[in-house]
N, C-alpha and C. Protein backbone atom coordinates (compact mmCIF):
# COMPACT_ATOMS: atom_id res chain seq x y z
N GLN A 1 0.85 -1.18 0.00
CA GLN A 1 0.00 0.00 0.00
C GLN A 1 0.89 1.24 0.00
N LEU A 2 0.50 2.21 -0.82
CA LEU A 2 1.24 3.46 -0.89
C LEU A 2 0.32 4.61 -0.51
N GLN A 3 0.81 5.52 0.28
CA GLN A 3 0.03 6.67 0.72
C GLN A 3 0.78 7.94 0.36
N ALA A 4 0.18 8.73 -0.52
CA ALA A 4 0.79 9.99 -0.93
C ALA A 4 0.13 11.15 -0.19
N SER A 5 0.89 12.17 0.10
CA SER A 5 0.36 13.34 0.78
C SER A 5 1.19 14.56 0.42
N GLY A 6 0.67 15.73 0.78
CA GLY A 6 1.43 16.96 0.60
C GLY A 6 0.91 17.87 -0.49
N GLY A 7 -0.08 17.44 -1.24
CA GLY A 7 -0.62 18.29 -2.29
C GLY A 7 -1.39 19.47 -1.72
N GLY A 8 -1.74 20.38 -2.60
CA GLY A 8 -2.49 21.55 -2.17
C GLY A 8 -2.48 22.63 -3.22
N LEU A 9 -2.92 23.80 -2.82
CA LEU A 9 -2.96 24.97 -3.69
C LEU A 9 -1.77 25.86 -3.41
N VAL A 10 -1.07 26.25 -4.47
CA VAL A 10 0.11 27.10 -4.31
C VAL A 10 0.14 28.11 -5.45
N HIS A 11 0.71 29.28 -5.18
CA HIS A 11 0.84 30.30 -6.21
C HIS A 11 1.99 29.96 -7.15
N PRO A 12 1.93 30.43 -8.38
CA PRO A 12 3.07 30.25 -9.28
C PRO A 12 4.36 30.77 -8.66
N GLY A 13 5.42 29.99 -8.82
CA GLY A 13 6.69 30.32 -8.21
C GLY A 13 6.88 29.74 -6.83
N GLY A 14 5.83 29.20 -6.27
CA GLY A 14 5.90 28.63 -4.93
C GLY A 14 6.45 27.22 -4.91
N SER A 15 6.43 26.63 -3.72
CA SER A 15 7.00 25.30 -3.51
C SER A 15 6.02 24.41 -2.76
N LEU A 16 6.16 23.13 -2.99
CA LEU A 16 5.44 22.10 -2.23
C LEU A 16 6.35 20.90 -2.08
N ARG A 17 6.11 20.13 -1.05
CA ARG A 17 6.87 18.89 -0.84
C ARG A 17 5.87 17.75 -0.69
N LEU A 18 5.94 16.81 -1.61
CA LEU A 18 5.09 15.63 -1.55
C LEU A 18 5.82 14.50 -0.83
N SER A 19 5.04 13.67 -0.14
CA SER A 19 5.59 12.50 0.54
C SER A 19 4.82 11.26 0.10
N CYS A 20 5.50 10.14 0.13
CA CYS A 20 4.87 8.85 -0.18
C CYS A 20 5.45 7.82 0.78
N VAL A 21 4.55 7.09 1.43
CA VAL A 21 4.97 6.06 2.38
C VAL A 21 4.44 4.72 1.92
N ALA A 22 5.32 3.73 1.87
CA ALA A 22 4.94 2.37 1.52
C ALA A 22 4.78 1.54 2.78
N SER A 23 3.76 0.69 2.80
CA SER A 23 3.54 -0.17 3.96
C SER A 23 2.94 -1.49 3.48
N GLY A 24 2.91 -2.47 4.40
CA GLY A 24 2.33 -3.76 4.06
C GLY A 24 3.38 -4.85 3.97
N SER A 25 3.05 -5.88 3.22
CA SER A 25 3.91 -7.06 3.12
C SER A 25 5.01 -6.83 2.09
N ILE A 26 6.03 -6.12 2.52
CA ILE A 26 7.11 -5.73 1.63
C ILE A 26 8.39 -6.47 2.00
N PHE A 27 8.95 -7.17 1.03
CA PHE A 27 10.27 -7.77 1.23
C PHE A 27 11.36 -6.76 0.88
N ALA A 28 11.15 -6.10 -0.25
CA ALA A 28 12.10 -5.09 -0.69
C ALA A 28 11.44 -4.17 -1.69
N ILE A 29 11.97 -2.96 -1.79
CA ILE A 29 11.50 -2.00 -2.79
C ILE A 29 12.67 -1.67 -3.71
N LYS A 30 12.52 -1.98 -4.98
CA LYS A 30 13.60 -1.79 -5.93
C LYS A 30 13.69 -0.34 -6.41
N GLY A 31 12.58 0.34 -6.41
CA GLY A 31 12.57 1.72 -6.87
C GLY A 31 11.22 2.35 -6.57
N MET A 32 11.20 3.67 -6.57
CA MET A 32 9.96 4.42 -6.34
C MET A 32 9.93 5.60 -7.31
N GLY A 33 8.73 6.08 -7.56
CA GLY A 33 8.65 7.18 -8.51
C GLY A 33 7.35 7.95 -8.41
N TRP A 34 7.36 9.10 -9.03
CA TRP A 34 6.19 9.97 -9.10
C TRP A 34 5.77 10.13 -10.56
N TYR A 35 4.48 10.00 -10.79
CA TYR A 35 3.87 10.28 -12.08
C TYR A 35 2.76 11.30 -11.84
N ARG A 36 2.37 11.98 -12.87
CA ARG A 36 1.27 12.94 -12.73
C ARG A 36 0.35 12.86 -13.93
N GLN A 37 -0.88 13.27 -13.70
CA GLN A 37 -1.85 13.30 -14.77
C GLN A 37 -2.70 14.56 -14.65
N ALA A 38 -2.63 15.38 -15.67
CA ALA A 38 -3.43 16.60 -15.73
C ALA A 38 -4.72 16.31 -16.48
N PRO A 39 -5.74 17.12 -16.25
CA PRO A 39 -7.02 16.91 -16.95
C PRO A 39 -6.84 16.88 -18.46
N GLY A 40 -7.35 15.83 -19.09
CA GLY A 40 -7.29 15.73 -20.53
C GLY A 40 -5.96 15.30 -21.10
N LYS A 41 -5.03 14.97 -20.21
CA LYS A 41 -3.70 14.56 -20.67
C LYS A 41 -3.36 13.17 -20.17
N GLU A 42 -2.35 12.57 -20.81
CA GLU A 42 -1.91 11.25 -20.38
C GLU A 42 -1.02 11.37 -19.15
N ARG A 43 -0.95 10.26 -18.42
CA ARG A 43 -0.06 10.22 -17.26
C ARG A 43 1.38 10.30 -17.76
N GLU A 44 2.21 11.08 -17.05
CA GLU A 44 3.61 11.25 -17.45
C GLU A 44 4.53 11.09 -16.25
N LEU A 45 5.75 10.70 -16.55
CA LEU A 45 6.77 10.57 -15.53
C LEU A 45 7.16 11.95 -15.00
N VAL A 46 7.20 12.04 -13.68
CA VAL A 46 7.76 13.24 -13.05
C VAL A 46 9.21 12.94 -12.66
N ALA A 47 9.38 11.87 -11.88
CA ALA A 47 10.72 11.47 -11.48
C ALA A 47 10.66 10.08 -10.87
N ASP A 48 11.74 9.34 -11.00
CA ASP A 48 11.83 8.08 -10.27
C ASP A 48 13.26 7.86 -9.81
N ILE A 49 13.39 6.95 -8.85
CA ILE A 49 14.70 6.72 -8.22
C ILE A 49 14.81 5.24 -7.88
N THR A 50 15.96 4.65 -8.20
CA THR A 50 16.18 3.25 -7.90
C THR A 50 17.00 3.09 -6.62
N ASN A 51 17.12 1.85 -6.16
CA ASN A 51 17.86 1.60 -4.94
C ASN A 51 19.33 1.99 -5.04
N ASP A 52 19.87 1.89 -6.25
CA ASP A 52 21.29 2.24 -6.40
C ASP A 52 21.48 3.70 -6.73
N GLY A 53 20.41 4.47 -6.60
CA GLY A 53 20.55 5.92 -6.71
C GLY A 53 20.35 6.50 -8.09
N ASN A 54 20.00 5.68 -9.05
CA ASN A 54 19.74 6.23 -10.38
C ASN A 54 18.44 7.03 -10.36
N ILE A 55 18.48 8.21 -10.92
CA ILE A 55 17.33 9.11 -10.91
C ILE A 55 17.02 9.56 -12.34
N ARG A 56 15.74 9.60 -12.63
CA ARG A 56 15.27 10.16 -13.89
C ARG A 56 14.26 11.27 -13.59
N TYR A 57 14.30 12.30 -14.38
CA TYR A 57 13.31 13.37 -14.28
C TYR A 57 12.63 13.56 -15.63
N GLY A 58 11.36 13.90 -15.59
CA GLY A 58 10.70 14.32 -16.81
C GLY A 58 11.28 15.64 -17.29
N ASP A 59 11.30 15.84 -18.59
CA ASP A 59 11.95 17.03 -19.14
C ASP A 59 11.34 18.33 -18.58
N SER A 60 10.05 18.32 -18.34
CA SER A 60 9.38 19.55 -17.92
C SER A 60 9.67 19.95 -16.48
N VAL A 61 10.27 19.06 -15.69
CA VAL A 61 10.51 19.38 -14.28
C VAL A 61 11.99 19.44 -13.93
N LYS A 62 12.84 19.13 -14.88
CA LYS A 62 14.28 19.14 -14.61
C LYS A 62 14.74 20.50 -14.11
N GLY A 63 15.52 20.49 -13.05
CA GLY A 63 16.03 21.73 -12.48
C GLY A 63 15.09 22.40 -11.50
N ARG A 64 13.86 21.91 -11.40
CA ARG A 64 12.89 22.52 -10.48
C ARG A 64 12.44 21.54 -9.41
N PHE A 65 12.39 20.26 -9.73
CA PHE A 65 11.92 19.24 -8.79
C PHE A 65 13.09 18.37 -8.36
N THR A 66 13.02 17.87 -7.13
CA THR A 66 14.05 16.98 -6.60
C THR A 66 13.39 15.80 -5.92
N ILE A 67 13.75 14.60 -6.35
CA ILE A 67 13.23 13.37 -5.75
C ILE A 67 14.25 12.83 -4.76
N SER A 68 13.76 12.25 -3.68
CA SER A 68 14.66 11.64 -2.70
C SER A 68 13.93 10.53 -1.97
N ARG A 69 14.70 9.70 -1.30
CA ARG A 69 14.11 8.64 -0.48
C ARG A 69 14.62 8.75 0.93
N GLY A 70 13.78 8.31 1.87
CA GLY A 70 14.18 8.33 3.25
C GLY A 70 15.15 7.20 3.57
N ASN A 71 15.72 7.27 4.76
CA ASN A 71 16.71 6.26 5.17
C ASN A 71 16.10 4.86 5.22
N ALA A 72 14.84 4.76 5.55
CA ALA A 72 14.17 3.47 5.65
C ALA A 72 13.83 2.90 4.29
N LYS A 73 14.00 3.67 3.24
CA LYS A 73 13.73 3.25 1.86
C LYS A 73 12.27 2.92 1.60
N THR A 74 11.41 3.12 2.57
CA THR A 74 9.98 2.94 2.33
C THR A 74 9.27 4.27 2.17
N THR A 75 10.03 5.35 2.22
CA THR A 75 9.45 6.67 2.03
C THR A 75 10.14 7.36 0.86
N MET A 76 9.41 8.25 0.24
CA MET A 76 9.91 8.98 -0.91
C MET A 76 9.35 10.39 -0.85
N TYR A 77 10.15 11.33 -1.33
CA TYR A 77 9.74 12.73 -1.30
C TYR A 77 9.93 13.35 -2.68
N LEU A 78 9.15 14.37 -2.92
CA LEU A 78 9.32 15.17 -4.13
C LEU A 78 9.26 16.63 -3.73
N GLN A 79 10.42 17.29 -3.77
CA GLN A 79 10.47 18.71 -3.51
C GLN A 79 10.23 19.44 -4.81
N MET A 80 9.17 20.23 -4.84
CA MET A 80 8.78 20.94 -6.07
C MET A 80 8.96 22.43 -5.85
N ASP A 81 9.85 23.03 -6.59
CA ASP A 81 10.13 24.47 -6.50
C ASP A 81 9.78 25.14 -7.83
N SER A 82 9.68 26.44 -7.77
CA SER A 82 9.37 27.24 -8.97
C SER A 82 8.18 26.66 -9.73
N LEU A 83 7.13 26.39 -9.00
CA LEU A 83 5.97 25.74 -9.59
C LEU A 83 5.29 26.64 -10.62
N LYS A 84 4.76 25.99 -11.64
CA LYS A 84 4.09 26.68 -12.74
C LYS A 84 2.65 26.18 -12.85
N PRO A 85 1.77 26.97 -13.43
CA PRO A 85 0.39 26.50 -13.60
C PRO A 85 0.30 25.16 -14.34
N GLU A 86 1.23 24.93 -15.25
CA GLU A 86 1.20 23.67 -16.00
C GLU A 86 1.63 22.46 -15.17
N ASP A 87 2.07 22.70 -13.95
CA ASP A 87 2.37 21.59 -13.03
C ASP A 87 1.10 21.09 -12.34
N THR A 88 -0.01 21.77 -12.54
CA THR A 88 -1.26 21.36 -11.93
C THR A 88 -1.65 19.97 -12.43
N ALA A 89 -1.85 19.04 -11.51
CA ALA A 89 -2.16 17.66 -11.86
C ALA A 89 -2.40 16.86 -10.59
N ILE A 90 -2.87 15.65 -10.77
CA ILE A 90 -2.87 14.68 -9.67
C ILE A 90 -1.54 13.95 -9.74
N TYR A 91 -0.84 13.93 -8.64
CA TYR A 91 0.47 13.29 -8.55
C TYR A 91 0.32 11.93 -7.87
N TYR A 92 0.81 10.90 -8.54
CA TYR A 92 0.71 9.54 -8.04
C TYR A 92 2.10 9.02 -7.69
N CYS A 93 2.17 8.33 -6.58
CA CYS A 93 3.43 7.66 -6.27
C CYS A 93 3.30 6.18 -6.60
N GLY A 94 4.37 5.63 -7.11
CA GLY A 94 4.40 4.22 -7.46
C GLY A 94 5.68 3.58 -6.95
N ALA A 95 5.65 2.27 -6.82
CA ALA A 95 6.83 1.57 -6.32
C ALA A 95 6.97 0.20 -6.98
N ASP A 96 8.21 -0.20 -7.14
CA ASP A 96 8.56 -1.52 -7.66
C ASP A 96 8.84 -2.40 -6.45
N VAL A 97 7.81 -3.11 -6.00
CA VAL A 97 7.85 -3.80 -4.72
C VAL A 97 7.99 -5.31 -4.93
N ILE A 98 8.93 -5.89 -4.19
CA ILE A 98 9.02 -7.35 -4.09
C ILE A 98 8.28 -7.73 -2.81
N PRO A 99 7.16 -8.46 -2.93
CA PRO A 99 6.37 -8.75 -1.73
C PRO A 99 6.98 -9.85 -0.87
N ASP A 100 6.53 -9.89 0.40
CA ASP A 100 6.95 -10.97 1.31
C ASP A 100 6.56 -12.33 0.76
N SER A 101 5.41 -12.40 0.13
CA SER A 101 4.92 -13.66 -0.42
C SER A 101 4.09 -13.37 -1.65
N GLY A 102 3.90 -14.40 -2.46
CA GLY A 102 3.11 -14.20 -3.67
C GLY A 102 3.97 -13.79 -4.84
N ALA A 103 3.32 -13.58 -5.95
CA ALA A 103 4.02 -13.26 -7.19
C ALA A 103 4.54 -11.82 -7.20
N TYR A 104 5.61 -11.62 -7.92
CA TYR A 104 6.20 -10.30 -8.09
C TYR A 104 5.81 -9.75 -9.45
N TYR A 105 5.22 -8.56 -9.43
CA TYR A 105 4.88 -7.86 -10.67
C TYR A 105 5.54 -6.48 -10.60
N PRO A 106 6.41 -6.18 -11.54
CA PRO A 106 7.12 -4.90 -11.49
C PRO A 106 6.17 -3.71 -11.51
N TRP A 107 6.44 -2.75 -10.64
CA TRP A 107 5.74 -1.47 -10.64
C TRP A 107 4.21 -1.66 -10.63
N ASP A 108 3.71 -2.51 -9.78
CA ASP A 108 2.26 -2.69 -9.70
C ASP A 108 1.67 -2.11 -8.42
N HIS A 109 2.46 -1.33 -7.66
CA HIS A 109 1.97 -0.69 -6.45
C HIS A 109 1.83 0.80 -6.71
N TRP A 110 0.61 1.30 -6.52
CA TRP A 110 0.34 2.71 -6.77
C TRP A 110 -0.52 3.30 -5.67
N GLY A 111 -0.23 4.56 -5.32
CA GLY A 111 -1.03 5.27 -4.34
C GLY A 111 -2.25 5.90 -4.98
N GLN A 112 -3.06 6.55 -4.16
CA GLN A 112 -4.33 7.09 -4.62
C GLN A 112 -4.18 8.45 -5.29
N GLY A 113 -3.05 9.08 -5.17
CA GLY A 113 -2.82 10.37 -5.80
C GLY A 113 -3.08 11.53 -4.85
N THR A 114 -2.36 12.61 -5.08
CA THR A 114 -2.58 13.83 -4.33
C THR A 114 -2.62 15.00 -5.32
N LEU A 115 -3.59 15.88 -5.15
CA LEU A 115 -3.82 16.95 -6.11
C LEU A 115 -2.93 18.15 -5.82
N VAL A 116 -2.23 18.59 -6.85
CA VAL A 116 -1.44 19.82 -6.79
C VAL A 116 -2.06 20.82 -7.75
N THR A 117 -2.39 21.99 -7.22
CA THR A 117 -2.97 23.05 -8.03
C THR A 117 -2.10 24.29 -7.92
N VAL A 118 -1.62 24.76 -9.06
CA VAL A 118 -0.78 25.96 -9.10
C VAL A 118 -1.58 27.05 -9.80
N SER A 119 -1.95 28.05 -9.02
CA SER A 119 -2.83 29.09 -9.56
C SER A 119 -2.68 30.36 -8.74
N SER A 120 -2.83 31.47 -9.41
CA SER A 120 -2.79 32.75 -8.71
C SER A 120 -4.21 33.16 -8.29
């Protein structure tokens, strides 16, 4: 189970910090990431991070957003700075989880999403 939080309303140029916490029957988490979906648009990658520290950012957020993971590796953060109206979307956290038991399916764990609205 993934729980995302931290969304809200912010003015253009402002900042927000999103958090995602993984819980449940987890043996290991290979990677975590953030995706977003704006009204009328397809879901797109915001950023993801693997256990060995490899990070990818979507082109539209490079230089403005920073992804990180907590020491426990079951938490993930997204620091969003210099926010723009086009960043308005529902942000979803996802994880590549190896469960304690049962079959392993890559990247099949997703949170419910948190709404970020950038508007003056």
